[in-house]
Amino acid sequence: MGDDTFADDYETARASFEAGDYREAASLFVDLVDRSALEPPLHGTTELRLYLARSYYHSAQLARAEEILRAMLVDHRDDHYALLLLGRTLQRQSRHDEARPHLAMAKLLGGYDIEGPDLPDDRPRD
């Protein structure tokens, strides 16, 4: 990312993501997240970090995705999409017990239709 503007670099990173080149997108979004904190005007990083986490998730860099998502949730505990993606990231690592509360919260906050053995059953118990 040379002399291009931040917006141009953002569009390049998004285009890589949309094209399914998730490893390339991740490297571009890492740079954008770093730059966003340093370049005036200061840009928010929530959307950038979410794209970065999604890029990591789709390129099976699950530990990195988890790290980004956990950091995001410190700042935005009710981000239902980050909760959903963290739950799915943990599931892909076969950490189903850890995934369960994040998926349940994503379902509650975001209205996601999440069912299956990894979530508590919503049916009334006898």
C-alpha atoms as a PDB file:
ATOM      1  CA  MET A   1       0.000   0.000   0.000  1.00  0.00           C
ATOM      2  CA  GLY A   2       2.057   2.829  -1.304  1.00  0.00           C
ATOM      3  CA  ASP A   3       0.994   6.425  -1.806  1.00  0.00           C
ATOM      4  CA  ASP A   4      -2.684   5.590  -2.186  1.00  0.00           C
ATOM      5  CA  THR A   5      -5.193   7.128   0.143  1.00  0.00           C
ATOM      6  CA  PHE A   6      -6.619   5.244   3.073  1.00  0.00           C
ATOM      7  CA  ALA A   7      -9.961   4.938   1.282  1.00  0.00           C
ATOM      8  CA  ASP A   8      -8.296   3.450  -1.814  1.00  0.00           C
ATOM      9  CA  ASP A   9      -6.423   0.944   0.317  1.00  0.00           C
ATOM     10  CA  TYR A  10      -9.635   0.069   2.136  1.00  0.00           C
ATOM     11  CA  GLU A  11     -11.385  -0.622  -1.158  1.00  0.00           C
ATOM     12  CA  THR A  12      -8.455  -2.783  -2.307  1.00  0.00           C
ATOM     13  CA  ALA A  13      -8.650  -4.803   0.913  1.00  0.00           C
ATOM     14  CA  ARG A  14     -12.429  -5.194   0.580  1.00  0.00           C
ATOM     15  CA  ALA A  15     -12.053  -6.263  -3.047  1.00  0.00           C
ATOM     16  CA  SER A  16      -9.575  -8.962  -1.991  1.00  0.00           C
ATOM     17  CA  PHE A  17     -12.015 -10.121   0.668  1.00  0.00           C
ATOM     18  CA  GLU A  18     -14.964 -10.165  -1.745  1.00  0.00           C
ATOM     19  CA  ALA A  19     -12.853 -12.094  -4.277  1.00  0.00           C
ATOM     20  CA  GLY A  20     -12.178 -14.763  -1.664  1.00  0.00           C
ATOM     21  CA  ASP A  21      -8.479 -13.977  -1.348  1.00  0.00           C
ATOM     22  CA  TYR A  22      -8.697 -13.980   2.431  1.00  0.00           C
ATOM     23  CA  ARG A  23      -4.984 -14.236   3.183  1.00  0.00           C
ATOM     24  CA  GLU A  24      -4.264 -11.196   1.036  1.00  0.00           C
ATOM     25  CA  ALA A  25      -7.220  -9.364   2.564  1.00  0.00           C
ATOM     26  CA  ALA A  26      -5.932 -10.140   6.051  1.00  0.00           C
ATOM     27  CA  SER A  27      -2.514  -8.668   5.306  1.00  0.00           C
ATOM     28  CA  LEU A  28      -4.132  -5.554   3.856  1.00  0.00           C
ATOM     29  CA  PHE A  29      -6.534  -5.138   6.772  1.00  0.00           C
ATOM     30  CA  VAL A  30      -3.693  -5.549   9.302  1.00  0.00           C
ATOM     31  CA  ASP A  31      -1.991  -2.575   7.696  1.00  0.00           C
ATOM     32  CA  LEU A  32      -5.214  -0.566   7.688  1.00  0.00           C
ATOM     33  CA  VAL A  33      -5.908  -1.289  11.364  1.00  0.00           C
ATOM     34  CA  ASP A  34      -2.380  -0.174  12.248  1.00  0.00           C
ATOM     35  CA  ARG A  35      -2.636   2.936  10.108  1.00  0.00           C
ATOM     36  CA  SER A  36      -6.093   3.875  11.347  1.00  0.00           C
ATOM     37  CA  ALA A  37      -4.730   4.650  14.792  1.00  0.00           C
ATOM     38  CA  LEU A  38      -1.908   6.807  13.438  1.00  0.00           C
ATOM     39  CA  GLU A  39      -3.142   8.711  10.406  1.00  0.00           C
ATOM     40  CA  PRO A  40      -5.308  11.797  10.677  1.00  0.00           C
ATOM     41  CA  PRO A  41      -8.188  11.879  10.532  1.00  0.00           C
ATOM     42  CA  LEU A  42      -8.279   9.079  13.026  1.00  0.00           C
ATOM     43  CA  HIS A  43     -10.509   6.322  11.742  1.00  0.00           C
ATOM     44  CA  GLY A  44     -12.516   3.939  13.871  1.00  0.00           C
ATOM     45  CA  THR A  45     -11.207   0.399  13.814  1.00  0.00           C
ATOM     46  CA  THR A  46     -14.336  -1.625  14.545  1.00  0.00           C
ATOM     47  CA  GLU A  47     -15.258  -2.322  10.927  1.00  0.00           C
ATOM     48  CA  LEU A  48     -11.621  -2.844   9.954  1.00  0.00           C
ATOM     49  CA  ARG A  49     -11.034  -5.285  12.802  1.00  0.00           C
ATOM     50  CA  LEU A  50     -14.189  -7.175  11.920  1.00  0.00           C
ATOM     51  CA  TYR A  51     -13.045  -7.537   8.320  1.00  0.00           C
ATOM     52  CA  LEU A  52      -9.643  -8.642   9.613  1.00  0.00           C
ATOM     53  CA  ALA A  53     -11.217 -11.245  11.890  1.00  0.00           C
ATOM     54  CA  ARG A  54     -13.429 -12.484   9.061  1.00  0.00           C
ATOM     55  CA  SER A  55     -10.394 -12.716   6.765  1.00  0.00           C
ATOM     56  CA  TYR A  56      -8.548 -14.726   9.394  1.00  0.00           C
ATOM     57  CA  TYR A  57     -11.588 -16.955   9.957  1.00  0.00           C
ATOM     58  CA  HIS A  58     -12.051 -17.709   6.271  1.00  0.00           C
ATOM     59  CA  SER A  59      -8.342 -18.399   5.786  1.00  0.00           C
ATOM     60  CA  ALA A  60      -8.328 -20.783   8.789  1.00  0.00           C
ATOM     61  CA  GLN A  61      -6.112 -18.531  10.882  1.00  0.00           C
ATOM     62  CA  LEU A  62      -8.401 -19.231  13.785  1.00  0.00           C
ATOM     63  CA  ALA A  63      -6.136 -18.224  16.679  1.00  0.00           C
ATOM     64  CA  ARG A  64      -5.642 -14.822  15.068  1.00  0.00           C
ATOM     65  CA  ALA A  65      -9.377 -14.448  14.436  1.00  0.00           C
ATOM     66  CA  GLU A  66     -10.074 -15.316  18.061  1.00  0.00           C
ATOM     67  CA  GLU A  67      -7.534 -12.771  19.305  1.00  0.00           C
ATOM     68  CA  ILE A  68      -9.031  -9.958  17.232  1.00  0.00           C
ATOM     69  CA  LEU A  69     -12.604 -10.850  18.195  1.00  0.00           C
ATOM     70  CA  ARG A  70     -11.868 -11.076  21.906  1.00  0.00           C
ATOM     71  CA  ALA A  71     -10.181  -7.666  21.760  1.00  0.00           C
ATOM     72  CA  MET A  72     -13.183  -6.228  19.911  1.00  0.00           C
ATOM     73  CA  LEU A  73     -15.581  -7.599  22.496  1.00  0.00           C
ATOM     74  CA  VAL A  74     -13.678  -5.874  25.301  1.00  0.00           C
ATOM     75  CA  ASP A  75     -14.659  -2.572  23.698  1.00  0.00           C
ATOM     76  CA  HIS A  76     -18.063  -3.634  22.321  1.00  0.00           C
ATOM     77  CA  ARG A  77     -19.511  -6.421  24.475  1.00  0.00           C
ATOM     78  CA  ASP A  78     -22.848  -6.380  22.686  1.00  0.00           C
ATOM     79  CA  ASP A  79     -21.525  -6.668  19.123  1.00  0.00           C
ATOM     80  CA  HIS A  80     -23.724  -9.570  18.087  1.00  0.00           C
ATOM     81  CA  TYR A  81     -21.825 -10.300  14.881  1.00  0.00           C
ATOM     82  CA  ALA A  82     -18.468 -10.416  16.707  1.00  0.00           C
ATOM     83  CA  LEU A  83     -20.065 -12.771  19.241  1.00  0.00           C
ATOM     84  CA  LEU A  84     -21.368 -14.977  16.443  1.00  0.00           C
ATOM     85  CA  LEU A  85     -18.017 -15.059  14.669  1.00  0.00           C
ATOM     86  CA  LEU A  86     -16.152 -15.779  17.918  1.00  0.00           C
ATOM     87  CA  GLY A  87     -18.534 -18.654  18.639  1.00  0.00           C
ATOM     88  CA  ARG A  88     -18.047 -20.065  15.146  1.00  0.00           C
ATOM     89  CA  THR A  89     -14.277 -19.623  15.437  1.00  0.00           C
ATOM     90  CA  LEU A  90     -14.248 -21.564  18.687  1.00  0.00           C
ATOM     91  CA  GLN A  91     -16.462 -24.258  17.156  1.00  0.00           C
ATOM     92  CA  ARG A  92     -14.035 -24.699  14.258  1.00  0.00           C
ATOM     93  CA  GLN A  93     -11.348 -25.307  16.873  1.00  0.00           C
ATOM     94  CA  SER A  94     -13.579 -27.958  18.512  1.00  0.00           C
ATOM     95  CA  ARG A  95     -13.970 -25.776  21.597  1.00  0.00           C
ATOM     96  CA  HIS A  96     -17.721 -26.198  21.725  1.00  0.00           C
ATOM     97  CA  ASP A  97     -18.160 -25.522  25.442  1.00  0.00           C
ATOM     98  CA  GLU A  98     -16.385 -22.170  25.047  1.00  0.00           C
ATOM     99  CA  ALA A  99     -18.401 -21.353  21.922  1.00  0.00           C
ATOM    100  CA  ARG A 100     -21.800 -21.994  23.500  1.00  0.00           C
ATOM    101  CA  PRO A 101     -22.208 -18.786  25.557  1.00  0.00           C
ATOM    102  CA  HIS A 102     -21.001 -16.568  22.703  1.00  0.00           C
ATOM    103  CA  LEU A 103     -23.418 -18.186  20.262  1.00  0.00           C
ATOM    104  CA  ALA A 104     -26.269 -17.960  22.763  1.00  0.00           C
ATOM    105  CA  MET A 105     -25.573 -14.251  23.288  1.00  0.00           C
ATOM    106  CA  ALA A 106     -25.349 -13.688  19.517  1.00  0.00           C
ATOM    107  CA  LYS A 107     -28.707 -15.400  19.143  1.00  0.00           C
ATOM    108  CA  LEU A 108     -30.219 -13.248  21.873  1.00  0.00           C
ATOM    109  CA  LEU A 109     -28.777  -9.907  20.724  1.00  0.00           C
ATOM    110  CA  GLY A 110     -28.741 -10.413  16.980  1.00  0.00           C
ATOM    111  CA  GLY A 111     -31.719 -12.636  16.431  1.00  0.00           C
ATOM    112  CA  TYR A 112     -29.638 -15.220  14.610  1.00  0.00           C
ATOM    113  CA  ASP A 113     -31.358 -18.519  13.949  1.00  0.00           C
ATOM    114  CA  ILE A 114     -28.704 -20.652  15.610  1.00  0.00           C
ATOM    115  CA  GLU A 115     -29.734 -24.163  16.496  1.00  0.00           C
ATOM    116  CA  GLY A 116     -27.962 -27.428  17.053  1.00  0.00           C
ATOM    117  CA  PRO A 117     -26.144 -29.422  19.683  1.00  0.00           C
ATOM    118  CA  ASP A 118     -23.771 -26.584  20.498  1.00  0.00           C
ATOM    119  CA  LEU A 119     -26.439 -24.336  22.006  1.00  0.00           C
ATOM    120  CA  PRO A 120     -28.681 -24.748  24.996  1.00  0.00           C
ATOM    121  CA  ASP A 121     -32.078 -26.093  24.081  1.00  0.00           C
ATOM    122  CA  ASP A 122     -34.743 -23.366  24.200  1.00  0.00           C
ATOM    123  CA  ARG A 123     -37.595 -25.773  24.823  1.00  0.00           C
ATOM    124  CA  PRO A 124     -39.212 -25.786  28.271  1.00  0.00           C
ATOM    125  CA  ARG A 125     -38.024 -28.583  30.506  1.00  0.00           C
ATOM    126  CA  ASP A 126     -40.249 -30.814  32.625  1.00  0.00           C
END
